[in-house]
Amino acid sequence: MAKVVSFLRRLRRELAAKEDRDVTILEVAQAVGLSRNRLTALELGQFDRISNDELTSLSAYYSPRLGRTILINNMFEIDPNHRWVSELQLA
């Protein structure tokens, strides 16, 4: 498994600060159609695959709420000592 550095938790915390309230994993997961466990794994970078639908849903959720376009590079980064983002298996 590639060492994936996830910025999803940072995005969720940024949203919480902007809205001045707690934004839970469960709230985001339900809004984007993921299980809480799946979103937790994505936030922790503990996954081998991520679908285009998951990426699109997460971007669509965070972009308008944070007032900027959230691209894949704003959500994940591959540790340069491991594999590049192009080697991630998109399902």
PDB file of N, CA and C in Angstrom:
ATOM      1  N   MET A   1       0.852  -1.182   0.000  1.00  0.00           N
ATOM      2  CA  MET A   1       0.000   0.000   0.000  1.00  0.00           C
ATOM      3  C   MET A   1       0.895   1.242   0.000  1.00  0.00           C
ATOM      4  N   ALA A   2       0.569   2.210  -0.824  1.00  0.00           N
ATOM      5  CA  ALA A   2       1.307   3.461  -0.871  1.00  0.00           C
ATOM      6  C   ALA A   2       1.093   4.236   0.414  1.00  0.00           C
ATOM      7  N   LYS A   3       2.087   4.995   0.781  1.00  0.00           N
ATOM      8  CA  LYS A   3       1.940   5.881   1.927  1.00  0.00           C
ATOM      9  C   LYS A   3       1.192   7.105   1.426  1.00  0.00           C
ATOM     10  N   VAL A   4      -0.064   7.216   1.825  1.00  0.00           N
ATOM     11  CA  VAL A   4      -0.914   8.307   1.374  1.00  0.00           C
ATOM     12  C   VAL A   4      -1.050   9.313   2.507  1.00  0.00           C
ATOM     13  N   VAL A   5      -0.780  10.552   2.194  1.00  0.00           N
ATOM     14  CA  VAL A   5      -0.987  11.615   3.161  1.00  0.00           C
ATOM     15  C   VAL A   5      -2.327  12.248   2.808  1.00  0.00           C
ATOM     16  N   SER A   6      -3.266  12.131   3.712  1.00  0.00           N
ATOM     17  CA  SER A   6      -4.611  12.638   3.456  1.00  0.00           C
ATOM     18  C   SER A   6      -4.787  14.007   4.091  1.00  0.00           C
ATOM     19  N   PHE A   7      -5.366  14.915   3.332  1.00  0.00           N
ATOM     20  CA  PHE A   7      -5.680  16.236   3.842  1.00  0.00           C
ATOM     21  C   PHE A   7      -7.172  16.384   4.121  1.00  0.00           C
ATOM     22  N   LEU A   8      -7.920  15.268   4.053  1.00  0.00           N
ATOM     23  CA  LEU A   8      -9.363  15.347   4.280  1.00  0.00           C
ATOM     24  C   LEU A   8      -9.690  15.792   5.699  1.00  0.00           C
ATOM     25  N   ARG A   9      -8.958  15.302   6.670  1.00  0.00           N
ATOM     26  CA  ARG A   9      -9.214  15.731   8.053  1.00  0.00           C
ATOM     27  C   ARG A   9      -8.941  17.224   8.192  1.00  0.00           C
ATOM     28  N   ARG A  10      -7.871  17.689   7.532  1.00  0.00           N
ATOM     29  CA  ARG A  10      -7.564  19.120   7.565  1.00  0.00           C
ATOM     30  C   ARG A  10      -8.707  19.922   6.940  1.00  0.00           C
ATOM     31  N   LEU A  11      -9.254  19.424   5.824  1.00  0.00           N
ATOM     32  CA  LEU A  11     -10.383  20.117   5.191  1.00  0.00           C
ATOM     33  C   LEU A  11     -11.593  20.150   6.114  1.00  0.00           C
ATOM     34  N   ARG A  12     -11.849  19.033   6.797  1.00  0.00           N
ATOM     35  CA  ARG A  12     -12.999  18.983   7.715  1.00  0.00           C
ATOM     36  C   ARG A  12     -12.797  19.955   8.875  1.00  0.00           C
ATOM     37  N   ARG A  13     -11.589  20.029   9.398  1.00  0.00           N
ATOM     38  CA  ARG A  13     -11.303  20.961  10.498  1.00  0.00           C
ATOM     39  C   ARG A  13     -11.359  22.408  10.027  1.00  0.00           C
ATOM     40  N   GLU A  14     -10.908  22.655   8.809  1.00  0.00           N
ATOM     41  CA  GLU A  14     -10.997  23.997   8.234  1.00  0.00           C
ATOM     42  C   GLU A  14     -12.463  24.417   8.105  1.00  0.00           C
ATOM     43  N   LEU A  15     -13.297  23.485   7.656  1.00  0.00           N
ATOM     44  CA  LEU A  15     -14.727  23.770   7.544  1.00  0.00           C
ATOM     45  C   LEU A  15     -15.329  24.037   8.916  1.00  0.00           C
ATOM     46  N   ALA A  16     -14.944  23.261   9.909  1.00  0.00           N
ATOM     47  CA  ALA A  16     -15.444  23.461  11.273  1.00  0.00           C
ATOM     48  C   ALA A  16     -15.066  24.849  11.783  1.00  0.00           C
ATOM     49  N   ALA A  17     -13.848  25.278  11.520  1.00  0.00           N
ATOM     50  CA  ALA A  17     -13.412  26.606  11.948  1.00  0.00           C
ATOM     51  C   ALA A  17     -14.185  27.697  11.210  1.00  0.00           C
ATOM     52  N   LYS A  18     -14.391  27.509   9.913  1.00  0.00           N
ATOM     53  CA  LYS A  18     -15.121  28.506   9.123  1.00  0.00           C
ATOM     54  C   LYS A  18     -16.564  28.638   9.588  1.00  0.00           C
ATOM     55  N   GLU A  19     -17.195  27.502   9.895  1.00  0.00           N
ATOM     56  CA  GLU A  19     -18.595  27.514  10.320  1.00  0.00           C
ATOM     57  C   GLU A  19     -18.742  27.658  11.832  1.00  0.00           C
ATOM     58  N   ASP A  20     -17.620  27.714  12.538  1.00  0.00           N
ATOM     59  CA  ASP A  20     -17.592  27.880  13.994  1.00  0.00           C
ATOM     60  C   ASP A  20     -18.460  26.843  14.701  1.00  0.00           C
ATOM     61  N   ARG A  21     -18.274  25.587  14.286  1.00  0.00           N
ATOM     62  CA  ARG A  21     -19.005  24.480  14.898  1.00  0.00           C
ATOM     63  C   ARG A  21     -18.258  23.186  14.605  1.00  0.00           C
ATOM     64  N   ASP A  22     -18.589  22.140  15.331  1.00  0.00           N
ATOM     65  CA  ASP A  22     -17.983  20.839  15.084  1.00  0.00           C
ATOM     66  C   ASP A  22     -18.590  20.231  13.819  1.00  0.00           C
ATOM     67  N   VAL A  23     -17.752  19.789  12.922  1.00  0.00           N
ATOM     68  CA  VAL A  23     -18.191  19.074  11.722  1.00  0.00           C
ATOM     69  C   VAL A  23     -17.693  17.644  11.892  1.00  0.00           C
ATOM     70  N   THR A  24     -18.616  16.718  12.110  1.00  0.00           N
ATOM     71  CA  THR A  24     -18.233  15.345  12.421  1.00  0.00           C
ATOM     72  C   THR A  24     -17.966  14.519  11.165  1.00  0.00           C
ATOM     73  N   ILE A  25     -17.226  13.449  11.367  1.00  0.00           N
ATOM     74  CA  ILE A  25     -16.995  12.501  10.273  1.00  0.00           C
ATOM     75  C   ILE A  25     -18.330  11.950   9.790  1.00  0.00           C
ATOM     76  N   LEU A  26     -19.209  11.633  10.726  1.00  0.00           N
ATOM     77  CA  LEU A  26     -20.510  11.073  10.357  1.00  0.00           C
ATOM     78  C   LEU A  26     -21.305  12.051   9.498  1.00  0.00           C
ATOM     79  N   GLU A  27     -21.295  13.321   9.848  1.00  0.00           N
ATOM     80  CA  GLU A  27     -22.017  14.340   9.074  1.00  0.00           C
ATOM     81  C   GLU A  27     -21.514  14.396   7.632  1.00  0.00           C
ATOM     82  N   VAL A  28     -20.201  14.439   7.464  1.00  0.00           N
ATOM     83  CA  VAL A  28     -19.621  14.504   6.120  1.00  0.00           C
ATOM     84  C   VAL A  28     -19.889  13.204   5.369  1.00  0.00           C
ATOM     85  N   ALA A  29     -19.692  12.078   6.053  1.00  0.00           N
ATOM     86  CA  ALA A  29     -19.903  10.773   5.420  1.00  0.00           C
ATOM     87  C   ALA A  29     -21.324  10.647   4.885  1.00  0.00           C
ATOM     88  N   GLN A  30     -22.302  11.021   5.691  1.00  0.00           N
ATOM     89  CA  GLN A  30     -23.696  10.937   5.247  1.00  0.00           C
ATOM     90  C   GLN A  30     -23.959  11.880   4.083  1.00  0.00           C
ATOM     91  N   ALA A  31     -23.372  13.061   4.115  1.00  0.00           N
ATOM     92  CA  ALA A  31     -23.591  14.041   3.050  1.00  0.00           C
ATOM     93  C   ALA A  31     -23.016  13.580   1.712  1.00  0.00           C
ATOM     94  N   VAL A  32     -21.919  12.827   1.753  1.00  0.00           N
ATOM     95  CA  VAL A  32     -21.282  12.397   0.502  1.00  0.00           C
ATOM     96  C   VAL A  32     -21.583  10.951   0.144  1.00  0.00           C
ATOM     97  N   GLY A  33     -22.377  10.271   0.967  1.00  0.00           N
ATOM     98  CA  GLY A  33     -22.790   8.906   0.651  1.00  0.00           C
ATOM     99  C   GLY A  33     -21.753   7.836   0.960  1.00  0.00           C
ATOM    100  N   LEU A  34     -20.924   8.082   1.969  1.00  0.00           N
ATOM    101  CA  LEU A  34     -19.930   7.100   2.400  1.00  0.00           C
ATOM    102  C   LEU A  34     -20.270   6.617   3.802  1.00  0.00           C
ATOM    103  N   SER A  35     -19.737   5.467   4.165  1.00  0.00           N
ATOM    104  CA  SER A  35     -19.879   5.032   5.554  1.00  0.00           C
ATOM    105  C   SER A  35     -18.886   5.825   6.406  1.00  0.00           C
ATOM    106  N   ARG A  36     -19.169   5.904   7.687  1.00  0.00           N
ATOM    107  CA  ARG A  36     -18.259   6.588   8.604  1.00  0.00           C
ATOM    108  C   ARG A  36     -16.891   5.903   8.582  1.00  0.00           C
ATOM    109  N   ASN A  37     -16.901   4.573   8.543  1.00  0.00           N
ATOM    110  CA  ASN A  37     -15.638   3.828   8.521  1.00  0.00           C
ATOM    111  C   ASN A  37     -14.819   4.129   7.266  1.00  0.00           C
ATOM    112  N   ARG A  38     -15.495   4.226   6.124  1.00  0.00           N
ATOM    113  CA  ARG A  38     -14.784   4.506   4.872  1.00  0.00           C
ATOM    114  C   ARG A  38     -14.160   5.896   4.920  1.00  0.00           C
ATOM    115  N   LEU A  39     -14.917   6.886   5.383  1.00  0.00           N
ATOM    116  CA  LEU A  39     -14.376   8.241   5.446  1.00  0.00           C
ATOM    117  C   LEU A  39     -13.222   8.311   6.444  1.00  0.00           C
ATOM    118  N   THR A  40     -13.345   7.605   7.549  1.00  0.00           N
ATOM    119  CA  THR A  40     -12.244   7.558   8.518  1.00  0.00           C
ATOM    120  C   THR A  40     -10.990   6.997   7.860  1.00  0.00           C
ATOM    121  N   ALA A  41     -11.138   5.905   7.116  1.00  0.00           N
ATOM    122  CA  ALA A  41      -9.992   5.309   6.418  1.00  0.00           C
ATOM    123  C   ALA A  41      -9.392   6.292   5.414  1.00  0.00           C
ATOM    124  N   LEU A  42     -10.240   7.007   4.687  1.00  0.00           N
ATOM    125  CA  LEU A  42      -9.747   7.994   3.727  1.00  0.00           C
ATOM    126  C   LEU A  42      -9.013   9.122   4.440  1.00  0.00           C
ATOM    127  N   GLU A  43      -9.565   9.586   5.564  1.00  0.00           N
ATOM    128  CA  GLU A  43      -8.913  10.655   6.320  1.00  0.00           C
ATOM    129  C   GLU A  43      -7.552  10.215   6.851  1.00  0.00           C
ATOM    130  N   LEU A  44      -7.434   8.941   7.180  1.00  0.00           N
ATOM    131  CA  LEU A  44      -6.181   8.421   7.737  1.00  0.00           C
ATOM    132  C   LEU A  44      -5.216   7.911   6.666  1.00  0.00           C
ATOM    133  N   GLY A  45      -5.656   7.923   5.399  1.00  0.00           N
ATOM    134  CA  GLY A  45      -4.809   7.437   4.310  1.00  0.00           C
ATOM    135  C   GLY A  45      -4.640   5.931   4.320  1.00  0.00           C
ATOM    136  N   GLN A  46      -5.624   5.236   4.875  1.00  0.00           N
ATOM    137  CA  GLN A  46      -5.550   3.779   4.992  1.00  0.00           C
ATOM    138  C   GLN A  46      -6.457   3.114   3.954  1.00  0.00           C
ATOM    139  N   PHE A  47      -6.046   3.183   2.693  1.00  0.00           N
ATOM    140  CA  PHE A  47      -6.833   2.590   1.617  1.00  0.00           C
ATOM    141  C   PHE A  47      -5.916   2.279   0.446  1.00  0.00           C
ATOM    142  N   ASP A  48      -6.332   1.326  -0.357  1.00  0.00           N
ATOM    143  CA  ASP A  48      -5.602   0.980  -1.578  1.00  0.00           C
ATOM    144  C   ASP A  48      -6.246   1.598  -2.808  1.00  0.00           C
ATOM    145  N   ARG A  49      -7.552   1.782  -2.742  1.00  0.00           N
ATOM    146  CA  ARG A  49      -8.298   2.299  -3.893  1.00  0.00           C
ATOM    147  C   ARG A  49      -9.258   3.384  -3.441  1.00  0.00           C
ATOM    148  N   ILE A  50      -9.499   4.278  -4.383  1.00  0.00           N
ATOM    149  CA  ILE A  50     -10.522   5.300  -4.167  1.00  0.00           C
ATOM    150  C   ILE A  50     -11.205   5.505  -5.510  1.00  0.00           C
ATOM    151  N   SER A  51     -12.509   5.612  -5.488  1.00  0.00           N
ATOM    152  CA  SER A  51     -13.251   5.738  -6.749  1.00  0.00           C
ATOM    153  C   SER A  51     -13.355   7.197  -7.179  1.00  0.00           C
ATOM    154  N   ASN A  52     -13.569   7.372  -8.468  1.00  0.00           N
ATOM    155  CA  ASN A  52     -13.811   8.718  -8.988  1.00  0.00           C
ATOM    156  C   ASN A  52     -15.049   9.321  -8.341  1.00  0.00           C
ATOM    157  N   ASP A  53     -16.064   8.493  -8.081  1.00  0.00           N
ATOM    158  CA  ASP A  53     -17.279   8.985  -7.430  1.00  0.00           C
ATOM    159  C   ASP A  53     -16.982   9.516  -6.032  1.00  0.00           C
ATOM    160  N   GLU A  54     -16.120   8.817  -5.294  1.00  0.00           N
ATOM    161  CA  GLU A  54     -15.761   9.288  -3.953  1.00  0.00           C
ATOM    162  C   GLU A  54     -15.032  10.627  -4.031  1.00  0.00           C
ATOM    163  N   LEU A  55     -14.084  10.729  -4.949  1.00  0.00           N
ATOM    164  CA  LEU A  55     -13.347  11.979  -5.122  1.00  0.00           C
ATOM    165  C   LEU A  55     -14.272  13.121  -5.517  1.00  0.00           C
ATOM    166  N   THR A  56     -15.169  12.845  -6.456  1.00  0.00           N
ATOM    167  CA  THR A  56     -16.111  13.861  -6.916  1.00  0.00           C
ATOM    168  C   THR A  56     -17.035  14.305  -5.792  1.00  0.00           C
ATOM    169  N   SER A  57     -17.545  13.354  -5.031  1.00  0.00           N
ATOM    170  CA  SER A  57     -18.450  13.677  -3.925  1.00  0.00           C
ATOM    171  C   SER A  57     -17.760  14.519  -2.863  1.00  0.00           C
ATOM    172  N   LEU A  58     -16.538  14.163  -2.519  1.00  0.00           N
ATOM    173  CA  LEU A  58     -15.797  14.924  -1.508  1.00  0.00           C
ATOM    174  C   LEU A  58     -15.489  16.336  -2.001  1.00  0.00           C
ATOM    175  N   SER A  59     -15.087  16.451  -3.254  1.00  0.00           N
ATOM    176  CA  SER A  59     -14.823  17.765  -3.828  1.00  0.00           C
ATOM    177  C   SER A  59     -16.091  18.612  -3.866  1.00  0.00           C
ATOM    178  N   ALA A  60     -17.203  17.991  -4.282  1.00  0.00           N
ATOM    179  CA  ALA A  60     -18.484  18.706  -4.358  1.00  0.00           C
ATOM    180  C   ALA A  60     -18.970  19.136  -2.978  1.00  0.00           C
ATOM    181  N   TYR A  61     -18.645  18.381  -1.958  1.00  0.00           N
ATOM    182  CA  TYR A  61     -19.049  18.741  -0.594  1.00  0.00           C
ATOM    183  C   TYR A  61     -18.213  19.909  -0.068  1.00  0.00           C
ATOM    184  N   TYR A  62     -16.900  19.807  -0.177  1.00  0.00           N
ATOM    185  CA  TYR A  62     -16.026  20.810   0.437  1.00  0.00           C
ATOM    186  C   TYR A  62     -15.892  22.100  -0.369  1.00  0.00           C
ATOM    187  N   SER A  63     -15.894  22.026  -1.707  1.00  0.00           N
ATOM    188  CA  SER A  63     -15.641  23.213  -2.526  1.00  0.00           C
ATOM    189  C   SER A  63     -16.560  24.384  -2.214  1.00  0.00           C
ATOM    190  N   PRO A  64     -17.887  24.230  -2.282  1.00  0.00           N
ATOM    191  CA  PRO A  64     -18.740  25.392  -2.022  1.00  0.00           C
ATOM    192  C   PRO A  64     -18.707  25.838  -0.560  1.00  0.00           C
ATOM    193  N   ARG A  65     -18.529  24.916   0.350  1.00  0.00           N
ATOM    194  CA  ARG A  65     -18.526  25.256   1.771  1.00  0.00           C
ATOM    195  C   ARG A  65     -17.266  26.023   2.175  1.00  0.00           C
ATOM    196  N   LEU A  66     -16.150  25.714   1.505  1.00  0.00           N
ATOM    197  CA  LEU A  66     -14.902  26.408   1.812  1.00  0.00           C
ATOM    198  C   LEU A  66     -14.658  27.592   0.880  1.00  0.00           C
ATOM    199  N   GLY A  67     -15.502  27.729  -0.139  1.00  0.00           N
ATOM    200  CA  GLY A  67     -15.403  28.874  -1.033  1.00  0.00           C
ATOM    201  C   GLY A  67     -14.246  28.811  -2.019  1.00  0.00           C
ATOM    202  N   ARG A  68     -13.785  27.599  -2.310  1.00  0.00           N
ATOM    203  CA  ARG A  68     -12.726  27.431  -3.307  1.00  0.00           C
ATOM    204  C   ARG A  68     -12.833  26.028  -3.900  1.00  0.00           C
ATOM    205  N   THR A  69     -12.240  25.851  -5.061  1.00  0.00           N
ATOM    206  CA  THR A  69     -12.258  24.541  -5.697  1.00  0.00           C
ATOM    207  C   THR A  69     -11.280  23.613  -4.988  1.00  0.00           C
ATOM    208  N   ILE A  70     -11.774  22.447  -4.596  1.00  0.00           N
ATOM    209  CA  ILE A  70     -10.939  21.442  -3.945  1.00  0.00           C
ATOM    210  C   ILE A  70     -10.615  20.365  -4.979  1.00  0.00           C
ATOM    211  N   LEU A  71      -9.359  20.267  -5.353  1.00  0.00           N
ATOM    212  CA  LEU A  71      -8.894  19.286  -6.330  1.00  0.00           C
ATOM    213  C   LEU A  71      -8.298  18.083  -5.612  1.00  0.00           C
ATOM    214  N   ILE A  72      -8.028  17.003  -6.354  1.00  0.00           N
ATOM    215  CA  ILE A  72      -7.451  15.801  -5.749  1.00  0.00           C
ATOM    216  C   ILE A  72      -6.156  16.128  -5.001  1.00  0.00           C
ATOM    217  N   ASN A  73      -5.358  17.037  -5.536  1.00  0.00           N
ATOM    218  CA  ASN A  73      -4.104  17.398  -4.873  1.00  0.00           C
ATOM    219  C   ASN A  73      -4.336  18.130  -3.562  1.00  0.00           C
ATOM    220  N   ASN A  74      -5.552  18.656  -3.364  1.00  0.00           N
ATOM    221  CA  ASN A  74      -5.902  19.283  -2.097  1.00  0.00           C
ATOM    222  C   ASN A  74      -6.413  18.258  -1.101  1.00  0.00           C
ATOM    223  N   MET A  75      -6.663  17.030  -1.557  1.00  0.00           N
ATOM    224  CA  MET A  75      -7.205  15.993  -0.681  1.00  0.00           C
ATOM    225  C   MET A  75      -6.166  14.948  -0.305  1.00  0.00           C
ATOM    226  N   PHE A  76      -5.282  14.613  -1.240  1.00  0.00           N
ATOM    227  CA  PHE A  76      -4.325  13.538  -1.006  1.00  0.00           C
ATOM    228  C   PHE A  76      -2.982  13.870  -1.617  1.00  0.00           C
ATOM    229  N   GLU A  77      -1.957  13.315  -1.034  1.00  0.00           N
ATOM    230  CA  GLU A  77      -0.613  13.431  -1.572  1.00  0.00           C
ATOM    231  C   GLU A  77       0.077  12.101  -1.317  1.00  0.00           C
ATOM    232  N   ILE A  78       0.884  11.674  -2.258  1.00  0.00           N
ATOM    233  CA  ILE A  78       1.619  10.428  -2.097  1.00  0.00           C
ATOM    234  C   ILE A  78       3.004  10.760  -1.558  1.00  0.00           C
ATOM    235  N   ASP A  79       3.413  10.065  -0.534  1.00  0.00           N
ATOM    236  CA  ASP A  79       4.744  10.226   0.033  1.00  0.00           C
ATOM    237  C   ASP A  79       5.764   9.945  -1.066  1.00  0.00           C
ATOM    238  N   PRO A  80       6.675  10.877  -1.350  1.00  0.00           N
ATOM    239  CA  PRO A  80       7.616  10.680  -2.450  1.00  0.00           C
ATOM    240  C   PRO A  80       8.544   9.479  -2.263  1.00  0.00           C
ATOM    241  N   ASN A  81       8.626   8.967  -1.072  1.00  0.00           N
ATOM    242  CA  ASN A  81       9.446   7.777  -0.837  1.00  0.00           C
ATOM    243  C   ASN A  81       8.717   6.504  -1.249  1.00  0.00           C
ATOM    244  N   HIS A  82       7.463   6.643  -1.649  1.00  0.00           N
ATOM    245  CA  HIS A  82       6.662   5.490  -2.049  1.00  0.00           C
ATOM    246  C   HIS A  82       6.219   5.679  -3.499  1.00  0.00           C
ATOM    247  N   ARG A  83       4.923   5.682  -3.755  1.00  0.00           N
ATOM    248  CA  ARG A  83       4.429   5.769  -5.128  1.00  0.00           C
ATOM    249  C   ARG A  83       3.817   7.141  -5.396  1.00  0.00           C
ATOM    250  N   TRP A  84       3.803   7.512  -6.663  1.00  0.00           N
ATOM    251  CA  TRP A  84       3.180   8.768  -7.077  1.00  0.00           C
ATOM    252  C   TRP A  84       1.674   8.601  -7.181  1.00  0.00           C
ATOM    253  N   VAL A  85       0.968   9.696  -7.216  1.00  0.00           N
ATOM    254  CA  VAL A  85      -0.494   9.669  -7.263  1.00  0.00           C
ATOM    255  C   VAL A  85      -1.005   8.917  -8.485  1.00  0.00           C
ATOM    256  N   SER A  86      -0.293   8.943  -9.586  1.00  0.00           N
ATOM    257  CA  SER A  86      -0.744   8.241 -10.792  1.00  0.00           C
ATOM    258  C   SER A  86      -0.756   6.731 -10.591  1.00  0.00           C
ATOM    259  N   GLU A  87      -0.063   6.238  -9.576  1.00  0.00           N
ATOM    260  CA  GLU A  87      -0.027   4.811  -9.313  1.00  0.00           C
ATOM    261  C   GLU A  87      -1.160   4.354  -8.405  1.00  0.00           C
ATOM    262  N   LEU A  88      -1.899   5.300  -7.824  1.00  0.00           N
ATOM    263  CA  LEU A  88      -3.068   4.921  -7.028  1.00  0.00           C
ATOM    264  C   LEU A  88      -4.076   4.269  -7.946  1.00  0.00           C
ATOM    265  N   GLN A  89      -4.693   3.252  -7.484  1.00  0.00           N
ATOM    266  CA  GLN A  89      -5.683   2.564  -8.299  1.00  0.00           C
ATOM    267  C   GLN A  89      -7.037   3.239  -8.128  1.00  0.00           C
ATOM    268  N   LEU A  90      -7.478   3.892  -9.179  1.00  0.00           N
ATOM    269  CA  LEU A  90      -8.796   4.503  -9.166  1.00  0.00           C
ATOM    270  C   LEU A  90      -9.786   3.473  -9.665  1.00  0.00           C
ATOM    271  N   ALA A  91     -10.783   3.216  -8.845  1.00  0.00           N
ATOM    272  CA  ALA A  91     -11.774   2.192  -9.200  1.00  0.00           C
ATOM    273  C   ALA A  91     -12.883   2.795 -10.026  1.00  0.00           C
TER     274      ALA A  91
END
